[in-house]
Each structure stands twice: as structure tokens, then as C-alpha cells.
């Protein structure tokens, strides 16, 4: 199971404003754990792809949520990350 360290933020659920970074990176850490636990190179590769996609989206600064200085929604930032993958 992967969960962002800050929890689920129910106070802003459904508003389209949460930053998806922590949840995505939590998934990346799960892939890293799977890579080590099962000597699975594909899981390590998936983790690296997620890191690269998140770094790219943040560096481009086009689809950032408000807490990062942008005006993108959670969906928009998530879509940008998916496209970067």
C-alpha cells in the first residue's frame, strides 16, 4: 500500500487543489521497495520514470498547483505527469 505522508487531506477533497506530488512519490517509493525486495529491475525502472516525470513537470512550471506557485488543478498536474511518463 502506498500513501502520501500527509494523509488524505479530506478538508480539500473534491476541490481539485491538492498537489499530487506526494502521492506520486509514495508510489515511486513503493516501486523502489518492490525492486529491492524482489530484485525486480522493471520496478526500479518504473520508479526512475516517475521521478523523471515529476522532475520534468516541476521544471517546466506549466502545470503546477497553487502551493507550488501555479494555477493548475490536481487533475491538470496529474495529466501532465502522466504525459511526461
PDB file of N, CA and C in Angstrom:
ATOM      1  N   UNK A   1       0.834  -1.167   0.000  1.00  0.00           N
ATOM      2  CA  UNK A   1       0.000   0.000   0.000  1.00  0.00           C
ATOM      3  C   UNK A   1       0.886   1.240   0.000  1.00  0.00           C
ATOM      4  N   UNK A   2       0.523   2.214  -0.786  1.00  0.00           N
ATOM      5  CA  UNK A   2       1.246   3.477  -0.827  1.00  0.00           C
ATOM      6  C   UNK A   2       0.315   4.586  -0.372  1.00  0.00           C
ATOM      7  N   UNK A   3       0.806   5.443   0.486  1.00  0.00           N
ATOM      8  CA  UNK A   3       0.021   6.581   0.961  1.00  0.00           C
ATOM      9  C   UNK A   3       0.942   7.770   1.141  1.00  0.00           C
ATOM     10  N   UNK A   4       0.456   8.926   0.732  1.00  0.00           N
ATOM     11  CA  UNK A   4       1.230  10.143   0.928  1.00  0.00           C
ATOM     12  C   UNK A   4       1.408  10.387   2.417  1.00  0.00           C
ATOM     13  N   UNK A   5       2.544  10.908   2.802  1.00  0.00           N
ATOM     14  CA  UNK A   5       2.851  11.077   4.222  1.00  0.00           C
ATOM     15  C   UNK A   5       1.930  12.059   4.922  1.00  0.00           C
ATOM     16  N   UNK A   6       1.341  12.964   4.189  1.00  0.00           N
ATOM     17  CA  UNK A   6       0.466  13.953   4.813  1.00  0.00           C
ATOM     18  C   UNK A   6      -0.948  13.433   5.018  1.00  0.00           C
ATOM     19  N   UNK A   7      -1.255  12.247   4.518  1.00  0.00           N
ATOM     20  CA  UNK A   7      -2.598  11.696   4.657  1.00  0.00           C
ATOM     21  C   UNK A   7      -3.474  12.050   3.470  1.00  0.00           C
ATOM     22  N   UNK A   8      -4.773  11.958   3.655  1.00  0.00           N
ATOM     23  CA  UNK A   8      -5.702  12.096   2.541  1.00  0.00           C
ATOM     24  C   UNK A   8      -6.269  13.502   2.355  1.00  0.00           C
ATOM     25  N   UNK A   9      -6.028  14.408   3.267  1.00  0.00           N
ATOM     26  CA  UNK A   9      -6.493  15.805   3.182  1.00  0.00           C
ATOM     27  C   UNK A   9      -7.989  15.898   2.894  1.00  0.00           C
ATOM     28  N   UNK A  10      -8.828  15.307   3.741  1.00  0.00           N
ATOM     29  CA  UNK A  10     -10.272  15.316   3.476  1.00  0.00           C
ATOM     30  C   UNK A  10     -10.887  16.712   3.429  1.00  0.00           C
ATOM     31  N   UNK A  11     -10.247  17.683   4.046  1.00  0.00           N
ATOM     32  CA  UNK A  11     -10.785  19.046   4.045  1.00  0.00           C
ATOM     33  C   UNK A  11     -10.750  19.702   2.667  1.00  0.00           C
ATOM     34  N   UNK A  12      -9.907  19.197   1.766  1.00  0.00           N
ATOM     35  CA  UNK A  12      -9.853  19.765   0.423  1.00  0.00           C
ATOM     36  C   UNK A  12     -10.203  18.730  -0.657  1.00  0.00           C
ATOM     37  N   UNK A  13     -10.739  17.593  -0.238  1.00  0.00           N
ATOM     38  CA  UNK A  13     -11.132  16.543  -1.181  1.00  0.00           C
ATOM     39  C   UNK A  13     -12.203  17.074  -2.133  1.00  0.00           C
ATOM     40  N   UNK A  14     -12.046  16.756  -3.395  1.00  0.00           N
ATOM     41  CA  UNK A  14     -13.023  17.143  -4.400  1.00  0.00           C
ATOM     42  C   UNK A  14     -12.916  18.568  -4.900  1.00  0.00           C
ATOM     43  N   UNK A  15     -11.997  19.346  -4.362  1.00  0.00           N
ATOM     44  CA  UNK A  15     -11.854  20.742  -4.773  1.00  0.00           C
ATOM     45  C   UNK A  15     -10.886  20.929  -5.935  1.00  0.00           C
ATOM     46  N   UNK A  16     -10.125  19.893  -6.254  1.00  0.00           N
ATOM     47  CA  UNK A  16      -9.183  19.985  -7.367  1.00  0.00           C
ATOM     48  C   UNK A  16      -7.950  20.814  -7.067  1.00  0.00           C
ATOM     49  N   UNK A  17      -7.638  20.996  -5.775  1.00  0.00           N
ATOM     50  CA  UNK A  17      -6.482  21.826  -5.429  1.00  0.00           C
ATOM     51  C   UNK A  17      -5.308  21.082  -4.796  1.00  0.00           C
ATOM     52  N   UNK A  18      -5.471  19.836  -4.340  1.00  0.00           N
ATOM     53  CA  UNK A  18      -4.314  19.171  -3.737  1.00  0.00           C
ATOM     54  C   UNK A  18      -3.189  18.950  -4.749  1.00  0.00           C
ATOM     55  N   UNK A  19      -1.982  19.013  -4.255  1.00  0.00           N
ATOM     56  CA  UNK A  19      -0.795  18.743  -5.051  1.00  0.00           C
ATOM     57  C   UNK A  19      -0.598  17.225  -5.089  1.00  0.00           C
ATOM     58  N   UNK A  20      -0.559  16.609  -6.288  1.00  0.00           N
ATOM     59  CA  UNK A  20      -0.415  15.154  -6.376  1.00  0.00           C
ATOM     60  C   UNK A  20       1.014  14.646  -6.188  1.00  0.00           C
ATOM     61  N   UNK A  21       1.961  15.546  -5.934  1.00  0.00           N
ATOM     62  CA  UNK A  21       3.369  15.166  -5.847  1.00  0.00           C
ATOM     63  C   UNK A  21       3.611  14.067  -4.795  1.00  0.00           C
ATOM     64  N   UNK A  22       3.119  14.269  -3.589  1.00  0.00           N
ATOM     65  CA  UNK A  22       3.412  13.325  -2.510  1.00  0.00           C
ATOM     66  C   UNK A  22       2.854  11.930  -2.802  1.00  0.00           C
ATOM     67  N   UNK A  23       1.665  11.866  -3.377  1.00  0.00           N
ATOM     68  CA  UNK A  23       1.089  10.563  -3.684  1.00  0.00           C
ATOM     69  C   UNK A  23       1.875   9.874  -4.793  1.00  0.00           C
ATOM     70  N   UNK A  24       2.258  10.636  -5.804  1.00  0.00           N
ATOM     71  CA  UNK A  24       3.061  10.054  -6.883  1.00  0.00           C
ATOM     72  C   UNK A  24       4.402   9.555  -6.370  1.00  0.00           C
ATOM     73  N   UNK A  25       5.040  10.332  -5.516  1.00  0.00           N
ATOM     74  CA  UNK A  25       6.341   9.921  -4.996  1.00  0.00           C
ATOM     75  C   UNK A  25       6.212   8.745  -4.020  1.00  0.00           C
ATOM     76  N   UNK A  26       5.085   8.652  -3.343  1.00  0.00           N
ATOM     77  CA  UNK A  26       4.838   7.497  -2.493  1.00  0.00           C
ATOM     78  C   UNK A  26       4.749   6.229  -3.347  1.00  0.00           C
ATOM     79  N   UNK A  27       4.079   6.341  -4.475  1.00  0.00           N
ATOM     80  CA  UNK A  27       4.028   5.211  -5.414  1.00  0.00           C
ATOM     81  C   UNK A  27       5.409   4.859  -5.933  1.00  0.00           C
ATOM     82  N   UNK A  28       6.223   5.876  -6.188  1.00  0.00           N
ATOM     83  CA  UNK A  28       7.599   5.657  -6.637  1.00  0.00           C
ATOM     84  C   UNK A  28       8.391   4.889  -5.576  1.00  0.00           C
ATOM     85  N   UNK A  29       8.210   5.279  -4.316  1.00  0.00           N
ATOM     86  CA  UNK A  29       8.920   4.586  -3.240  1.00  0.00           C
ATOM     87  C   UNK A  29       8.453   3.139  -3.110  1.00  0.00           C
ATOM     88  N   UNK A  30       7.180   2.885  -3.400  1.00  0.00           N
ATOM     89  CA  UNK A  30       6.681   1.512  -3.381  1.00  0.00           C
ATOM     90  C   UNK A  30       7.372   0.697  -4.471  1.00  0.00           C
ATOM     91  N   UNK A  31       7.504   1.272  -5.658  1.00  0.00           N
ATOM     92  CA  UNK A  31       8.230   0.577  -6.738  1.00  0.00           C
ATOM     93  C   UNK A  31       9.684   0.314  -6.340  1.00  0.00           C
ATOM     94  N   UNK A  32      10.316   1.288  -5.693  1.00  0.00           N
ATOM     95  CA  UNK A  32      11.699   1.089  -5.248  1.00  0.00           C
ATOM     96  C   UNK A  32      11.789  -0.060  -4.241  1.00  0.00           C
ATOM     97  N   UNK A  33      10.844  -0.123  -3.327  1.00  0.00           N
ATOM     98  CA  UNK A  33      10.831  -1.201  -2.339  1.00  0.00           C
ATOM     99  C   UNK A  33      10.643  -2.542  -3.034  1.00  0.00           C
ATOM    100  N   UNK A  34       9.706  -2.597  -3.983  1.00  0.00           N
ATOM    101  CA  UNK A  34       9.478  -3.843  -4.725  1.00  0.00           C
ATOM    102  C   UNK A  34      10.728  -4.265  -5.486  1.00  0.00           C
ATOM    103  N   UNK A  35      11.442  -3.279  -6.034  1.00  0.00           N
ATOM    104  CA  UNK A  35      12.671  -3.584  -6.776  1.00  0.00           C
ATOM    105  C   UNK A  35      13.702  -4.252  -5.884  1.00  0.00           C
ATOM    106  N   UNK A  36      13.840  -3.748  -4.675  1.00  0.00           N
ATOM    107  CA  UNK A  36      14.808  -4.310  -3.736  1.00  0.00           C
ATOM    108  C   UNK A  36      14.318  -5.649  -3.195  1.00  0.00           C
ATOM    109  N   UNK A  37      13.080  -5.677  -2.758  1.00  0.00           N
ATOM    110  CA  UNK A  37      12.510  -6.871  -2.112  1.00  0.00           C
ATOM    111  C   UNK A  37      12.542  -8.085  -3.039  1.00  0.00           C
ATOM    112  N   UNK A  38      12.233  -7.863  -4.334  1.00  0.00           N
ATOM    113  CA  UNK A  38      12.116  -8.976  -5.268  1.00  0.00           C
ATOM    114  C   UNK A  38      13.165  -8.951  -6.378  1.00  0.00           C
ATOM    115  N   UNK A  39      14.186  -8.115  -6.219  1.00  0.00           N
ATOM    116  CA  UNK A  39      15.232  -7.980  -7.247  1.00  0.00           C
ATOM    117  C   UNK A  39      14.591  -7.791  -8.630  1.00  0.00           C
ATOM    118  N   UNK A  40      13.664  -6.862  -8.687  1.00  0.00           N
ATOM    119  CA  UNK A  40      12.871  -6.650  -9.897  1.00  0.00           C
ATOM    120  C   UNK A  40      13.304  -5.371 -10.612  1.00  0.00           C
ATOM    121  N   UNK A  41      14.014  -5.535 -11.697  1.00  0.00           N
ATOM    122  CA  UNK A  41      14.542  -4.379 -12.419  1.00  0.00           C
ATOM    123  C   UNK A  41      13.437  -3.535 -13.053  1.00  0.00           C
ATOM    124  N   UNK A  42      12.323  -4.153 -13.409  1.00  0.00           N
ATOM    125  CA  UNK A  42      11.226  -3.372 -14.007  1.00  0.00           C
ATOM    126  C   UNK A  42      10.609  -2.423 -12.990  1.00  0.00           C
ATOM    127  N   UNK A  43      10.563  -2.828 -11.735  1.00  0.00           N
ATOM    128  CA  UNK A  43      10.044  -1.945 -10.689  1.00  0.00           C
ATOM    129  C   UNK A  43      10.994  -0.764 -10.475  1.00  0.00           C
ATOM    130  N   UNK A  44      12.292  -1.031 -10.525  1.00  0.00           N
ATOM    131  CA  UNK A  44      13.280   0.052 -10.404  1.00  0.00           C
ATOM    132  C   UNK A  44      13.157   1.015 -11.576  1.00  0.00           C
ATOM    133  N   UNK A  45      12.931   0.483 -12.762  1.00  0.00           N
ATOM    134  CA  UNK A  45      12.766   1.332 -13.940  1.00  0.00           C
ATOM    135  C   UNK A  45      11.506   2.188 -13.822  1.00  0.00           C
ATOM    136  N   UNK A  46      10.435   1.611 -13.302  1.00  0.00           N
ATOM    137  CA  UNK A  46       9.192   2.367 -13.108  1.00  0.00           C
ATOM    138  C   UNK A  46       9.413   3.509 -12.124  1.00  0.00           C
ATOM    139  N   UNK A  47      10.144   3.246 -11.050  1.00  0.00           N
ATOM    140  CA  UNK A  47      10.451   4.290 -10.069  1.00  0.00           C
ATOM    141  C   UNK A  47      11.231   5.427 -10.709  1.00  0.00           C
ATOM    142  N   UNK A  48      12.197   5.088 -11.530  1.00  0.00           N
ATOM    143  CA  UNK A  48      13.005   6.108 -12.204  1.00  0.00           C
ATOM    144  C   UNK A  48      12.160   6.931 -13.170  1.00  0.00           C
ATOM    145  N   UNK A  49      11.222   6.289 -13.853  1.00  0.00           N
ATOM    146  CA  UNK A  49      10.336   7.007 -14.771  1.00  0.00           C
ATOM    147  C   UNK A  49       9.456   8.007 -14.030  1.00  0.00           C
ATOM    148  N   UNK A  50       8.947   7.601 -12.880  1.00  0.00           N
ATOM    149  CA  UNK A  50       8.108   8.502 -12.082  1.00  0.00           C
ATOM    150  C   UNK A  50       8.927   9.703 -11.618  1.00  0.00           C
ATOM    151  N   UNK A  51      10.131   9.447 -11.133  1.00  0.00           N
ATOM    152  CA  UNK A  51      10.997  10.542 -10.696  1.00  0.00           C
ATOM    153  C   UNK A  51      11.259  11.511 -11.846  1.00  0.00           C
ATOM    154  N   UNK A  52      11.589  10.979 -13.002  1.00  0.00           N
ATOM    155  CA  UNK A  52      11.879  11.819 -14.167  1.00  0.00           C
ATOM    156  C   UNK A  52      10.642  12.634 -14.564  1.00  0.00           C
ATOM    157  N   UNK A  53       9.480  12.004 -14.570  1.00  0.00           N
ATOM    158  CA  UNK A  53       8.251  12.705 -14.957  1.00  0.00           C
ATOM    159  C   UNK A  53       7.926  13.831 -13.979  1.00  0.00           C
ATOM    160  N   UNK A  54       8.043  13.566 -12.679  1.00  0.00           N
ATOM    161  CA  UNK A  54       7.759  14.605 -11.690  1.00  0.00           C
ATOM    162  C   UNK A  54       8.757  15.747 -11.814  1.00  0.00           C
ATOM    163  N   UNK A  55      10.031  15.416 -11.970  1.00  0.00           N
ATOM    164  CA  UNK A  55      11.059  16.451 -12.127  1.00  0.00           C
ATOM    165  C   UNK A  55      10.788  17.311 -13.359  1.00  0.00           C
ATOM    166  N   UNK A  56      10.383  16.678 -14.433  1.00  0.00           N
ATOM    167  CA  UNK A  56      10.118  17.395 -15.689  1.00  0.00           C
ATOM    168  C   UNK A  56       8.940  18.356 -15.541  1.00  0.00           C
ATOM    169  N   UNK A  57       7.854  17.879 -14.951  1.00  0.00           N
ATOM    170  CA  UNK A  57       6.664  18.724 -14.781  1.00  0.00           C
ATOM    171  C   UNK A  57       6.997  19.931 -13.903  1.00  0.00           C
ATOM    172  N   UNK A  58       7.718  19.708 -12.841  1.00  0.00           N
ATOM    173  CA  UNK A  58       8.064  20.816 -11.949  1.00  0.00           C
ATOM    174  C   UNK A  58       9.034  21.783 -12.640  1.00  0.00           C
ATOM    175  N   UNK A  59      10.005  21.265 -13.362  1.00  0.00           N
ATOM    176  CA  UNK A  59      10.972  22.129 -14.047  1.00  0.00           C
ATOM    177  C   UNK A  59      10.308  22.967 -15.131  1.00  0.00           C
ATOM    178  N   UNK A  60       9.346  22.391 -15.835  1.00  0.00           N
ATOM    179  CA  UNK A  60       8.662  23.129 -16.898  1.00  0.00           C
ATOM    180  C   UNK A  60       7.735  24.211 -16.350  1.00  0.00           C
ATOM    181  N   UNK A  61       7.251  24.028 -15.132  1.00  0.00           N
ATOM    182  CA  UNK A  61       6.409  25.011 -14.426  1.00  0.00           C
ATOM    183  C   UNK A  61       5.122  25.399 -15.158  1.00  0.00           C
ATOM    184  N   UNK A  62       4.625  24.565 -16.035  1.00  0.00           N
ATOM    185  CA  UNK A  62       3.385  24.887 -16.753  1.00  0.00           C
ATOM    186  C   UNK A  62       2.153  24.409 -16.011  1.00  0.00           C
ATOM    187  N   UNK A  63       2.257  23.270 -15.347  1.00  0.00           N
ATOM    188  CA  UNK A  63       1.103  22.666 -14.675  1.00  0.00           C
ATOM    189  C   UNK A  63       1.424  22.410 -13.207  1.00  0.00           C
ATOM    190  N   UNK A  64       1.506  23.479 -12.460  1.00  0.00           N
ATOM    191  CA  UNK A  64       1.790  23.384 -11.034  1.00  0.00           C
ATOM    192  C   UNK A  64       0.556  23.814 -10.246  1.00  0.00           C
ATOM    193  N   UNK A  65       0.322  23.140  -9.143  1.00  0.00           N
ATOM    194  CA  UNK A  65      -0.789  23.511  -8.274  1.00  0.00           C
ATOM    195  C   UNK A  65      -0.450  24.798  -7.521  1.00  0.00           C
ATOM    196  N   UNK A  66      -1.460  25.367  -6.885  1.00  0.00           N
ATOM    197  CA  UNK A  66      -1.285  26.665  -6.227  1.00  0.00           C
ATOM    198  C   UNK A  66      -0.173  26.682  -5.185  1.00  0.00           C
ATOM    199  N   UNK A  67      -0.020  25.595  -4.445  1.00  0.00           N
ATOM    200  CA  UNK A  67       1.016  25.572  -3.409  1.00  0.00           C
ATOM    201  C   UNK A  67       2.421  25.640  -3.993  1.00  0.00           C
ATOM    202  N   UNK A  68       2.550  25.374  -5.292  1.00  0.00           N
ATOM    203  CA  UNK A  68       3.846  25.454  -5.976  1.00  0.00           C
ATOM    204  C   UNK A  68       3.956  26.719  -6.822  1.00  0.00           C
ATOM    205  N   UNK A  69       2.996  27.624  -6.663  1.00  0.00           N
ATOM    206  CA  UNK A  69       3.042  28.886  -7.382  1.00  0.00           C
ATOM    207  C   UNK A  69       2.319  28.902  -8.714  1.00  0.00           C
ATOM    208  N   UNK A  70       1.617  27.825  -9.024  1.00  0.00           N
ATOM    209  CA  UNK A  70       0.888  27.766 -10.292  1.00  0.00           C
ATOM    210  C   UNK A  70      -0.604  27.931 -10.087  1.00  0.00           C
ATOM    211  N   UNK A  71      -1.356  27.631 -11.137  1.00  0.00           N
ATOM    212  CA  UNK A  71      -2.807  27.702 -11.029  1.00  0.00           C
ATOM    213  C   UNK A  71      -3.492  26.460 -11.586  1.00  0.00           C
ATOM    214  N   UNK A  72      -2.718  25.388 -11.760  1.00  0.00           N
ATOM    215  CA  UNK A  72      -3.266  24.143 -12.291  1.00  0.00           C
ATOM    216  C   UNK A  72      -4.064  23.397 -11.220  1.00  0.00           C
ATOM    217  N   UNK A  73      -5.033  22.645 -11.685  1.00  0.00           N
ATOM    218  CA  UNK A  73      -5.790  21.779 -10.779  1.00  0.00           C
ATOM    219  C   UNK A  73      -4.997  20.495 -10.535  1.00  0.00           C
ATOM    220  N   UNK A  74      -5.461  19.720  -9.579  1.00  0.00           N
ATOM    221  CA  UNK A  74      -4.850  18.415  -9.312  1.00  0.00           C
ATOM    222  C   UNK A  74      -4.867  17.575 -10.583  1.00  0.00           C
ATOM    223  N   UNK A  75      -6.000  17.562 -11.274  1.00  0.00           N
ATOM    224  CA  UNK A  75      -6.153  16.783 -12.498  1.00  0.00           C
ATOM    225  C   UNK A  75      -5.175  17.231 -13.578  1.00  0.00           C
ATOM    226  N   UNK A  76      -5.049  18.539 -13.748  1.00  0.00           N
ATOM    227  CA  UNK A  76      -4.137  19.069 -14.764  1.00  0.00           C
ATOM    228  C   UNK A  76      -2.689  18.684 -14.480  1.00  0.00           C
ATOM    229  N   UNK A  77      -2.288  18.801 -13.214  1.00  0.00           N
ATOM    230  CA  UNK A  77      -0.914  18.418 -12.873  1.00  0.00           C
ATOM    231  C   UNK A  77      -0.735  16.918 -13.031  1.00  0.00           C
ATOM    232  N   UNK A  78      -1.721  16.156 -12.601  1.00  0.00           N
ATOM    233  CA  UNK A  78      -1.644  14.701 -12.769  1.00  0.00           C
ATOM    234  C   UNK A  78      -1.579  14.288 -14.229  1.00  0.00           C
ATOM    235  N   UNK A  79      -2.362  14.949 -15.065  1.00  0.00           N
ATOM    236  CA  UNK A  79      -2.321  14.662 -16.508  1.00  0.00           C
ATOM    237  C   UNK A  79      -0.965  15.007 -17.092  1.00  0.00           C
ATOM    238  N   UNK A  80      -0.360  16.098 -16.621  1.00  0.00           N
ATOM    239  CA  UNK A  80       0.966  16.495 -17.102  1.00  0.00           C
ATOM    240  C   UNK A  80       2.009  15.444 -16.720  1.00  0.00           C
ATOM    241  N   UNK A  81       1.888  14.921 -15.524  1.00  0.00           N
ATOM    242  CA  UNK A  81       2.817  13.866 -15.082  1.00  0.00           C
ATOM    243  C   UNK A  81       2.623  12.625 -15.929  1.00  0.00           C
ATOM    244  N   UNK A  82       1.368  12.244 -16.158  1.00  0.00           N
ATOM    245  CA  UNK A  82       1.081  11.060 -16.987  1.00  0.00           C
ATOM    246  C   UNK A  82       1.639  11.244 -18.401  1.00  0.00           C
ATOM    247  N   UNK A  83       1.495  12.438 -18.951  1.00  0.00           N
ATOM    248  CA  UNK A  83       2.022  12.705 -20.299  1.00  0.00           C
ATOM    249  C   UNK A  83       3.549  12.642 -20.295  1.00  0.00           C
ATOM    250  N   UNK A  84       4.170  13.089 -19.222  1.00  0.00           N
ATOM    251  CA  UNK A  84       5.637  13.071 -19.121  1.00  0.00           C
ATOM    252  C   UNK A  84       6.177  11.647 -18.980  1.00  0.00           C
ATOM    253  N   UNK A  85       5.353  10.729 -18.499  1.00  0.00           N
ATOM    254  CA  UNK A  85       5.794   9.338 -18.382  1.00  0.00           C
ATOM    255  C   UNK A  85       6.006   8.747 -19.762  1.00  0.00           C
TER     256      UNK A  85
END
